[in-house]
C-alpha atoms as a PDB file:
ATOM      1  CA  MET A   1       0.200   0.071   0.072  1.00  0.00           C
ATOM      2  CA  GLY A   2       1.404   3.373  -1.034  1.00  0.00           C
ATOM      3  CA  LEU A   3       1.424   6.658   0.345  1.00  0.00           C
ATOM      4  CA  LEU A   4      -1.361   7.935  -1.302  1.00  0.00           C
ATOM      5  CA  ASP A   5      -3.333   5.065  -2.113  1.00  0.00           C
ATOM      6  CA  SER A   6      -6.597   4.655   0.779  1.00  0.00           C
ATOM      7  CA  ASP A   7      -8.593   1.547   1.089  1.00  0.00           C
ATOM      8  CA  HIS A   8     -11.489   3.514   2.547  1.00  0.00           C
ATOM      9  CA  SER A   9     -14.294   5.413   0.605  1.00  0.00           C
ATOM     10  CA  GLU A  10     -15.212   9.055   1.984  1.00  0.00           C
ATOM     11  CA  GLU A  11     -18.011   8.855   4.547  1.00  0.00           C
ATOM     12  CA  PRO A  12     -21.777   9.433   3.843  1.00  0.00           C
ATOM     13  CA  ARG A  13     -21.758  12.447   5.647  1.00  0.00           C
ATOM     14  CA  SER A  14     -18.739  14.078   4.256  1.00  0.00           C
ATOM     15  CA  LYS A  15     -20.555  13.770   1.178  1.00  0.00           C
ATOM     16  CA  ALA A  16     -23.626  14.742   1.691  1.00  0.00           C
ATOM     17  CA  ARG A  17     -22.725  17.669   3.208  1.00  0.00           C
ATOM     18  CA  ARG A  18     -20.322  18.777   0.224  1.00  0.00           C
ATOM     19  CA  TYR A  19     -23.457  18.751  -1.648  1.00  0.00           C
ATOM     20  CA  ALA A  20     -25.154  20.963   0.394  1.00  0.00           C
ATOM     21  CA  VAL A  21     -22.449  23.491   0.166  1.00  0.00           C
ATOM     22  CA  SER A  22     -22.867  23.031  -3.542  1.00  0.00           C
ATOM     23  CA  GLY A  23     -26.076  23.509  -3.921  1.00  0.00           C
ATOM     24  CA  LEU A  24     -26.274  26.669  -1.569  1.00  0.00           C
ATOM     25  CA  VAL A  25     -23.323  28.074  -3.720  1.00  0.00           C
ATOM     26  CA  LEU A  26     -24.997  27.443  -6.670  1.00  0.00           C
ATOM     27  CA  ALA A  27     -28.546  28.956  -5.342  1.00  0.00           C
ATOM     28  CA  LEU A  28     -26.674  32.270  -3.890  1.00  0.00           C
ATOM     29  CA  LEU A  29     -25.362  32.218  -7.612  1.00  0.00           C
ATOM     30  CA  LEU A  30     -28.698  31.874  -9.329  1.00  0.00           C
ATOM     31  CA  ALA A  31     -30.034  34.101  -7.186  1.00  0.00           C
ATOM     32  CA  ALA A  32     -27.413  37.112  -7.572  1.00  0.00           C
ATOM     33  CA  ALA A  33     -27.801  36.508 -11.526  1.00  0.00           C
ATOM     34  CA  GLY A  34     -31.347  36.593 -11.390  1.00  0.00           C
ATOM     35  CA  TRP A  35     -31.158  39.945  -9.205  1.00  0.00           C
ATOM     36  CA  TYR A  36     -28.792  41.343 -11.749  1.00  0.00           C
ATOM     37  CA  THR A  37     -30.641  40.740 -14.796  1.00  0.00           C
ATOM     38  CA  PHE A  38     -33.763  41.881 -13.394  1.00  0.00           C
ATOM     39  CA  ARG A  39     -32.882  44.912 -11.269  1.00  0.00           C
ATOM     40  CA  PHE A  40     -34.468  47.871 -12.792  1.00  0.00           C
ATOM     41  CA  HIS A  41     -37.262  45.743 -14.702  1.00  0.00           C
ATOM     42  CA  ALA A  42     -39.846  48.145 -13.021  1.00  0.00           C
ATOM     43  CA  GLU A  43     -38.130  51.046 -14.995  1.00  0.00           C
ATOM     44  CA  LYS A  44     -37.957  49.600 -18.280  1.00  0.00           C
ATOM     45  CA  LYS A  45     -41.430  49.140 -18.148  1.00  0.00           C
ATOM     46  CA  ALA A  46     -42.212  52.345 -17.276  1.00  0.00           C
ATOM     47  CA  VAL A  47     -40.397  53.765 -20.184  1.00  0.00           C
ATOM     48  CA  SER A  48     -41.566  51.033 -22.491  1.00  0.00           C
ATOM     49  CA  LEU A  49     -45.440  52.024 -21.747  1.00  0.00           C
ATOM     50  CA  PHE A  50     -44.375  55.731 -22.514  1.00  0.00           C
ATOM     51  CA  PHE A  51     -43.169  54.597 -25.864  1.00  0.00           C
ATOM     52  CA  ASP A  52     -45.750  51.953 -26.922  1.00  0.00           C
ATOM     53  CA  ALA A  53     -48.020  55.269 -25.935  1.00  0.00           C
ATOM     54  CA  LEU A  54     -45.940  57.167 -28.321  1.00  0.00           C
ATOM     55  CA  ALA A  55     -45.563  54.604 -31.222  1.00  0.00           C
ATOM     56  CA  ALA A  56     -49.155  54.562 -31.713  1.00  0.00           C
ATOM     57  CA  GLY A  57     -49.752  58.313 -32.055  1.00  0.00           C
ATOM     58  CA  ASP A  58     -51.338  58.689 -28.239  1.00  0.00           C
ATOM     59  CA  THR A  59     -49.574  61.280 -26.672  1.00  0.00           C
ATOM     60  CA  GLN A  60     -51.879  62.293 -24.301  1.00  0.00           C
ATOM     61  CA  ARG A  61     -51.179  58.740 -22.665  1.00  0.00           C
ATOM     62  CA  ALA A  62     -47.323  59.280 -23.087  1.00  0.00           C
ATOM     63  CA  TYR A  63     -48.401  62.759 -21.295  1.00  0.00           C
ATOM     64  CA  GLN A  64     -49.856  60.885 -18.234  1.00  0.00           C
ATOM     65  CA  VAL A  65     -47.321  58.007 -18.018  1.00  0.00           C
ATOM     66  CA  TRP A  66     -44.507  60.811 -18.203  1.00  0.00           C
ATOM     67  CA  LYS A  67     -45.980  62.117 -15.013  1.00  0.00           C
ATOM     68  CA  PRO A  68     -44.542  65.646 -15.473  1.00  0.00           C
ATOM     69  CA  GLN A  69     -44.276  68.808 -13.288  1.00  0.00           C
ATOM     70  CA  SER A  70     -46.114  71.486 -13.588  1.00  0.00           C
ATOM     71  CA  SER A  71     -43.697  73.356 -14.912  1.00  0.00           C
ATOM     72  CA  TYR A  72     -43.634  70.550 -18.314  1.00  0.00           C
ATOM     73  CA  SER A  73     -47.150  71.901 -20.217  1.00  0.00           C
ATOM     74  CA  TYR A  74     -48.679  69.042 -22.757  1.00  0.00           C
ATOM     75  CA  GLN A  75     -47.429  72.155 -25.404  1.00  0.00           C
ATOM     76  CA  ASP A  76     -43.495  71.725 -24.594  1.00  0.00           C
ATOM     77  CA  PHE A  77     -44.293  67.637 -24.305  1.00  0.00           C
ATOM     78  CA  LEU A  78     -45.457  68.068 -27.424  1.00  0.00           C
ATOM     79  CA  GLU A  79     -42.682  70.204 -28.463  1.00  0.00           C
ATOM     80  CA  ASP A  80     -40.398  67.245 -27.751  1.00  0.00           C
ATOM     81  CA  TRP A  81     -42.035  64.253 -28.287  1.00  0.00           C
ATOM     82  CA  GLY A  82     -45.014  65.288 -30.483  1.00  0.00           C
ATOM     83  CA  PRO A  83     -44.918  64.121 -34.239  1.00  0.00           C
ATOM     84  CA  SER A  84     -43.415  67.340 -35.350  1.00  0.00           C
ATOM     85  CA  GLY A  85     -41.275  67.424 -32.053  1.00  0.00           C
ATOM     86  CA  TYR A  86     -37.513  67.350 -31.834  1.00  0.00           C
ATOM     87  CA  TYR A  87     -37.381  63.578 -30.873  1.00  0.00           C
ATOM     88  CA  GLY A  88     -40.539  62.959 -33.152  1.00  0.00           C
ATOM     89  CA  PRO A  89     -41.973  61.288 -35.041  1.00  0.00           C
ATOM     90  CA  VAL A  90     -41.616  57.933 -33.121  1.00  0.00           C
ATOM     91  CA  LYS A  91     -42.822  54.900 -34.482  1.00  0.00           C
ATOM     92  CA  SER A  92     -40.907  51.990 -33.340  1.00  0.00           C
ATOM     93  CA  TYR A  93     -38.001  51.994 -30.240  1.00  0.00           C
ATOM     94  CA  ARG A  94     -35.735  49.728 -28.957  1.00  0.00           C
ATOM     95  CA  VAL A  95     -35.084  49.840 -24.899  1.00  0.00           C
ATOM     96  CA  GLY A  96     -31.213  49.212 -23.876  1.00  0.00           C
ATOM     97  CA  ALA A  97     -29.431  49.296 -21.138  1.00  0.00           C
ATOM     98  CA  ALA A  98     -30.276  50.743 -17.929  1.00  0.00           C
ATOM     99  CA  GLN A  99     -27.775  52.356 -15.164  1.00  0.00           C
ATOM    100  CA  ALA A 100     -28.543  53.433 -11.479  1.00  0.00           C
ATOM    101  CA  ALA A 101     -28.098  57.391 -11.198  1.00  0.00           C
ATOM    102  CA  PRO A 102     -24.870  58.591  -9.376  1.00  0.00           C
ATOM    103  CA  ARG A 103     -25.003  58.785  -5.729  1.00  0.00           C
ATOM    104  CA  GLU A 104     -26.648  61.424  -5.032  1.00  0.00           C
ATOM    105  CA  GLY A 105     -29.412  60.604  -7.772  1.00  0.00           C
ATOM    106  CA  SER A 106     -32.575  58.735  -6.751  1.00  0.00           C
ATOM    107  CA  GLY A 107     -33.410  57.300 -10.303  1.00  0.00           C
ATOM    108  CA  VAL A 108     -32.423  54.845 -12.800  1.00  0.00           C
ATOM    109  CA  ILE A 109     -31.169  55.962 -16.573  1.00  0.00           C
ATOM    110  CA  VAL A 110     -32.660  54.152 -19.260  1.00  0.00           C
ATOM    111  CA  VAL A 111     -31.240  54.314 -22.820  1.00  0.00           C
ATOM    112  CA  VAL A 112     -33.313  53.981 -25.573  1.00  0.00           C
ATOM    113  CA  GLU A 113     -32.806  53.962 -29.673  1.00  0.00           C
ATOM    114  CA  LEU A 114     -35.468  55.916 -31.021  1.00  0.00           C
ATOM    115  CA  SER A 115     -36.805  55.425 -34.806  1.00  0.00           C
ATOM    116  CA  PRO A 116     -39.587  57.364 -37.283  1.00  0.00           C
ATOM    117  CA  TYR A 117     -39.758  53.491 -39.289  1.00  0.00           C
ATOM    118  CA  GLN A 118     -42.338  51.025 -38.537  1.00  0.00           C
ATOM    119  CA  PRO A 119     -40.780  48.279 -37.646  1.00  0.00           C
ATOM    120  CA  PHE A 120     -37.419  48.844 -35.886  1.00  0.00           C
ATOM    121  CA  PRO A 121     -34.701  48.986 -38.803  1.00  0.00           C
ATOM    122  CA  ASP A 122     -32.336  46.409 -39.288  1.00  0.00           C
ATOM    123  CA  ASP A 123     -28.659  47.247 -38.264  1.00  0.00           C
ATOM    124  CA  SER A 124     -27.976  46.322 -41.893  1.00  0.00           C
ATOM    125  CA  ASP A 125     -29.918  49.288 -43.419  1.00  0.00           C
ATOM    126  CA  VAL A 126     -28.053  51.694 -43.381  1.00  0.00           C
ATOM    127  CA  ALA A 127     -29.884  54.743 -44.911  1.00  0.00           C
ATOM    128  CA  LYS A 128     -32.960  53.898 -42.135  1.00  0.00           C
ATOM    129  CA  SER A 129     -30.719  53.190 -38.567  1.00  0.00           C
ATOM    130  CA  ARG A 130     -28.791  56.660 -40.022  1.00  0.00           C
ATOM    131  CA  ARG A 131     -32.214  58.566 -38.289  1.00  0.00           C
ATOM    132  CA  THR A 132     -32.311  56.440 -35.563  1.00  0.00           C
ATOM    133  CA  ARG A 133     -31.620  58.511 -32.534  1.00  0.00           C
ATOM    134  CA  GLU A 134     -30.484  57.251 -28.870  1.00  0.00           C
ATOM    135  CA  VAL A 135     -32.099  59.125 -26.049  1.00  0.00           C
ATOM    136  CA  ARG A 136     -31.477  58.805 -22.473  1.00  0.00           C
ATOM    137  CA  ILE A 137     -34.920  58.750 -19.785  1.00  0.00           C
ATOM    138  CA  TRP A 138     -34.638  59.324 -16.334  1.00  0.00           C
ATOM    139  CA  VAL A 139     -36.817  57.500 -14.442  1.00  0.00           C
ATOM    140  CA  GLU A 140     -37.751  58.360 -10.680  1.00  0.00           C
ATOM    141  CA  THR A 141     -37.485  55.113  -8.701  1.00  0.00           C
ATOM    142  CA  ARG A 142     -40.069  56.071  -5.874  1.00  0.00           C
ATOM    143  CA  ASP A 143     -43.120  57.093  -8.201  1.00  0.00           C
ATOM    144  CA  LYS A 144     -41.894  55.839 -11.758  1.00  0.00           C
ATOM    145  CA  SER A 145     -42.091  59.637 -13.370  1.00  0.00           C
ATOM    146  CA  LEU A 146     -40.136  60.281 -15.739  1.00  0.00           C
ATOM    147  CA  GLY A 147     -37.447  62.966 -17.548  1.00  0.00           C
ATOM    148  CA  PHE A 148     -34.682  64.385 -18.690  1.00  0.00           C
ATOM    149  CA  PRO A 149     -31.796  63.408 -16.929  1.00  0.00           C
ATOM    150  CA  PRO A 150     -29.747  65.895 -14.736  1.00  0.00           C
END
């Protein structure tokens, strides 16, 4: 019998403990991955509701989803988001990345690509992709109101 040879197998308690620890670590890793994947889900959903209304041409509903301050009138909203506004017309969109605000912030910044074409143009369609714009939307975490990032 050599130094590294063993004449007995591993104890069942040791084997069960190893599987229990491995299962716990796996569960923690899956929970962390799920949290990271879905941590900004509510904010992205609010942005999607807003752009769904804009793409459907329902600017009144989009204005309500925006939850504006009293200083941002419906006319101001139309100048930004209306069919002939700065960001308009919005016919399709693609929600991109979301990131937490800086330390003193209380919201999330969501990046959205806007297109005046329906459906959203493929990257290979250079002529239509050229008119695609990227906009950053601030989503307040407490009430899901929208705005422009500071």
